[in-house]
Amino acid sequence: MDIKAHTRSAATLGVLAVVFLAGVAWAWSAVTEPFPEPEPAPACSETAVAAGERVQPEDVLVNVYNASRTSGLARDTMDALIGKGFGEGVRGNLTADTGRGGAVVWTSDADGPAAALVRSYLGKNARIVEQTTAEPGITVVVGDDFPGVTDGRKRVKAAEDTYVCTPPEPEP
């Protein structure tokens, strides 16, 4: 074998080695790359409600905040509302004035059927206040004078076209 053939063979092997190492490096980076994070499911979807249609508890996502000195009141209230059919949102504690009725409904649509429906479960003195929050849905703030969740209306008719924050369907 002559020197040219040796040199050509060595160069070919060198090029193949570089290509092989580049392929291994690319494959290693592809294999060790983290999996993409799943997109979080939205808390609710804005569902159009035409005037005259009825809104039921299962159509409404509810958040509950405790503004009382009673530990666990938000949890107990949320559990009772879920038991009545409402969708579960966020719960927590905050400082807010709930007035004599012991409960306030915060919503961006004070005249909407969802707020009226939720209010019907909070006692006759609960108030609806037009106030937007960071959380989607209807927000309930319960205080020291909150009498507890009662039997409310089964459905409320929409007086005009509106939207309701409907919780997602439970997975099978």
Protein backbone atom coordinates (compact mmCIF):
# COMPACT_ATOMS: atom_id res chain seq x y z
CA MET A 1 0.00 0.00 0.00
CA ASP A 2 1.39 3.37 -0.87
CA ILE A 3 1.56 6.45 1.34
CA LYS A 4 -1.27 8.26 -0.50
CA ALA A 5 -3.68 5.42 0.16
CA HIS A 6 -2.62 5.36 3.80
CA THR A 7 -3.14 9.10 4.14
CA ARG A 8 -6.50 8.94 2.40
CA SER A 9 -7.65 6.07 4.66
CA ALA A 10 -6.48 7.92 7.76
CA ALA A 11 -8.27 11.11 6.62
CA THR A 12 -11.46 9.16 5.89
CA LEU A 13 -11.32 7.50 9.32
CA GLY A 14 -10.67 10.91 10.92
CA VAL A 15 -13.69 12.47 9.19
CA LEU A 16 -15.87 9.50 10.13
CA ALA A 17 -14.69 9.77 13.76
CA VAL A 18 -15.61 13.48 13.86
CA VAL A 19 -19.03 12.79 12.33
CA PHE A 20 -19.57 9.94 14.79
CA LEU A 21 -18.60 12.09 17.80
CA ALA A 22 -20.84 14.94 16.58
CA GLY A 23 -23.73 12.47 16.28
CA VAL A 24 -23.10 11.12 19.77
CA ALA A 25 -22.98 14.66 21.20
CA TRP A 26 -26.24 15.62 19.46
CA ALA A 27 -27.96 12.40 20.61
CA TRP A 28 -26.75 12.91 24.20
CA SER A 29 -28.10 16.47 24.29
CA ALA A 30 -31.44 15.32 22.85
CA VAL A 31 -31.75 12.46 25.36
CA THR A 32 -30.83 14.56 28.40
CA GLU A 33 -33.04 17.52 27.50
CA PRO A 34 -35.88 17.87 30.05
CA PHE A 35 -39.40 17.02 28.98
CA PRO A 36 -41.63 20.03 28.35
CA GLU A 37 -43.81 20.98 31.30
CA PRO A 38 -47.51 20.29 30.75
CA GLU A 39 -49.66 23.36 30.37
CA PRO A 40 -51.76 23.93 33.49
CA ALA A 41 -55.45 23.44 32.85
CA PRO A 42 -57.46 26.63 33.08
CA ALA A 43 -59.44 27.03 36.31
CA CYS A 44 -62.58 27.70 34.31
CA SER A 45 -63.90 28.64 30.92
CA GLU A 46 -66.00 31.67 30.15
CA THR A 47 -69.36 30.23 29.12
CA ALA A 48 -71.88 32.44 27.33
CA VAL A 49 -75.30 32.57 28.99
CA ALA A 50 -78.14 34.06 26.97
CA ALA A 51 -80.91 36.09 28.56
CA GLY A 52 -83.53 33.70 29.88
CA GLU A 53 -81.13 30.77 30.34
CA ARG A 54 -80.68 29.38 33.83
CA VAL A 55 -77.44 29.11 35.77
CA GLN A 56 -77.03 26.21 38.22
CA PRO A 57 -74.39 25.62 40.94
CA GLU A 58 -72.36 23.26 38.73
CA ASP A 59 -72.00 26.13 36.23
CA VAL A 60 -70.18 28.37 38.74
CA LEU A 61 -66.58 28.31 40.02
CA VAL A 62 -66.33 29.63 43.61
CA ASN A 63 -63.32 30.86 45.62
CA VAL A 64 -63.65 31.22 49.40
CA TYR A 65 -61.56 33.40 51.73
CA ASN A 66 -61.71 33.48 55.51
CA ALA A 67 -61.73 36.97 57.06
CA SER A 68 -62.78 35.70 60.49
CA ARG A 69 -60.96 34.61 63.62
CA THR A 70 -62.34 31.06 63.14
CA SER A 71 -59.67 28.71 61.84
CA GLY A 72 -60.79 26.56 58.89
CA LEU A 73 -63.89 28.59 58.02
CA ALA A 74 -62.84 28.94 54.37
CA ARG A 75 -62.28 25.17 54.11
CA ASP A 76 -65.61 24.34 55.77
CA THR A 77 -67.48 26.87 53.62
CA MET A 78 -65.81 25.62 50.43
CA ASP A 79 -66.64 22.01 51.33
CA ALA A 80 -70.29 22.95 51.95
CA LEU A 81 -70.52 24.85 48.63
CA ILE A 82 -68.92 21.95 46.75
CA GLY A 83 -71.50 19.70 48.42
CA LYS A 84 -74.20 21.94 46.92
CA GLY A 85 -72.69 21.47 43.45
CA PHE A 86 -70.42 24.52 42.97
CA GLY A 87 -67.02 24.17 41.33
CA GLU A 88 -63.97 24.38 43.59
CA GLY A 89 -61.70 27.35 43.15
CA VAL A 90 -59.10 28.80 45.51
CA ARG A 91 -59.43 29.14 49.25
CA GLY A 92 -57.36 31.04 51.76
CA ASN A 93 -57.30 33.79 54.36
CA LEU A 94 -57.39 37.56 54.06
CA THR A 95 -58.40 40.66 55.94
CA ALA A 96 -61.63 42.23 54.70
CA ASP A 97 -64.84 43.75 56.03
CA THR A 98 -67.76 41.36 55.66
CA GLY A 99 -70.34 43.56 57.36
CA ARG A 100 -73.26 42.42 59.52
CA GLY A 101 -74.18 39.59 57.17
CA GLY A 102 -70.88 37.84 57.72
CA ALA A 103 -70.37 37.15 54.01
CA VAL A 104 -69.58 39.18 50.91
CA VAL A 105 -69.66 38.04 47.29
CA TRP A 106 -67.00 39.70 45.15
CA THR A 107 -67.65 39.68 41.42
CA SER A 108 -67.05 41.76 38.32
CA ASP A 109 -70.75 41.32 37.39
CA ALA A 110 -72.80 42.29 40.45
CA ASP A 111 -76.10 41.91 38.56
CA GLY A 112 -75.16 38.55 37.04
CA PRO A 113 -76.95 35.28 37.73
CA ALA A 114 -73.82 33.55 39.11
CA ALA A 115 -73.40 36.12 41.91
CA ALA A 116 -77.11 35.97 42.78
CA LEU A 117 -76.99 32.18 42.88
CA VAL A 118 -73.95 32.07 45.17
CA ARG A 119 -75.41 34.76 47.44
CA SER A 120 -78.58 32.68 47.92
CA TYR A 121 -76.46 30.03 49.72
CA LEU A 122 -74.84 32.50 52.15
CA GLY A 123 -77.75 33.72 54.25
CA LYS A 124 -80.19 36.55 53.81
CA ASN A 125 -77.78 39.31 54.86
CA ALA A 126 -74.91 38.44 52.51
CA ARG A 127 -73.94 41.28 50.18
CA ILE A 128 -72.78 41.35 46.57
CA VAL A 129 -69.96 43.82 45.89
CA GLU A 130 -68.67 44.65 42.43
CA GLN A 131 -64.97 44.00 42.84
CA THR A 132 -62.59 42.21 40.53
CA THR A 133 -60.11 39.75 41.98
CA ALA A 134 -57.03 37.94 40.76
CA GLU A 135 -58.88 34.63 40.79
CA PRO A 136 -61.40 33.63 38.12
CA GLY A 137 -64.99 32.95 39.15
CA ILE A 138 -67.03 34.23 42.07
CA THR A 139 -65.18 35.03 45.31
CA VAL A 140 -66.86 34.62 48.70
CA VAL A 141 -65.37 36.28 51.79
CA VAL A 142 -66.70 34.95 55.11
CA GLY A 143 -66.31 36.72 58.43
CA ASP A 144 -67.07 36.29 62.12
CA ASP A 145 -70.85 36.74 61.71
CA PHE A 146 -71.19 34.19 58.90
CA PRO A 147 -74.12 31.88 59.75
CA GLY A 148 -72.95 29.06 57.45
CA VAL A 149 -74.00 27.75 54.06
CA THR A 150 -77.76 27.30 53.66
CA ASP A 151 -79.98 25.75 51.03
CA GLY A 152 -80.07 28.26 48.22
CA ARG A 153 -81.79 28.49 44.88
CA LYS A 154 -81.41 25.57 42.50
CA ARG A 155 -81.00 27.88 39.51
CA VAL A 156 -81.14 31.57 38.61
CA LYS A 157 -82.39 32.95 35.30
CA ALA A 158 -80.10 35.39 33.46
CA ALA A 159 -81.82 38.75 32.93
CA GLU A 160 -79.48 39.62 30.04
CA ASP A 161 -76.72 38.03 27.98
CA THR A 162 -73.66 37.42 30.14
CA TYR A 163 -70.73 35.07 30.80
CA VAL A 164 -70.19 32.64 33.67
CA CYS A 165 -66.86 31.16 34.76
CA THR A 166 -67.68 27.45 34.43
CA PRO A 167 -65.36 24.88 36.06
CA PRO A 168 -63.81 22.23 33.82
CA GLU A 169 -65.51 18.85 33.49
CA PRO A 170 -64.08 16.31 35.95
CA GLU A 171 -61.80 13.74 34.33
CA PRO A 172 -63.14 10.19 34.15
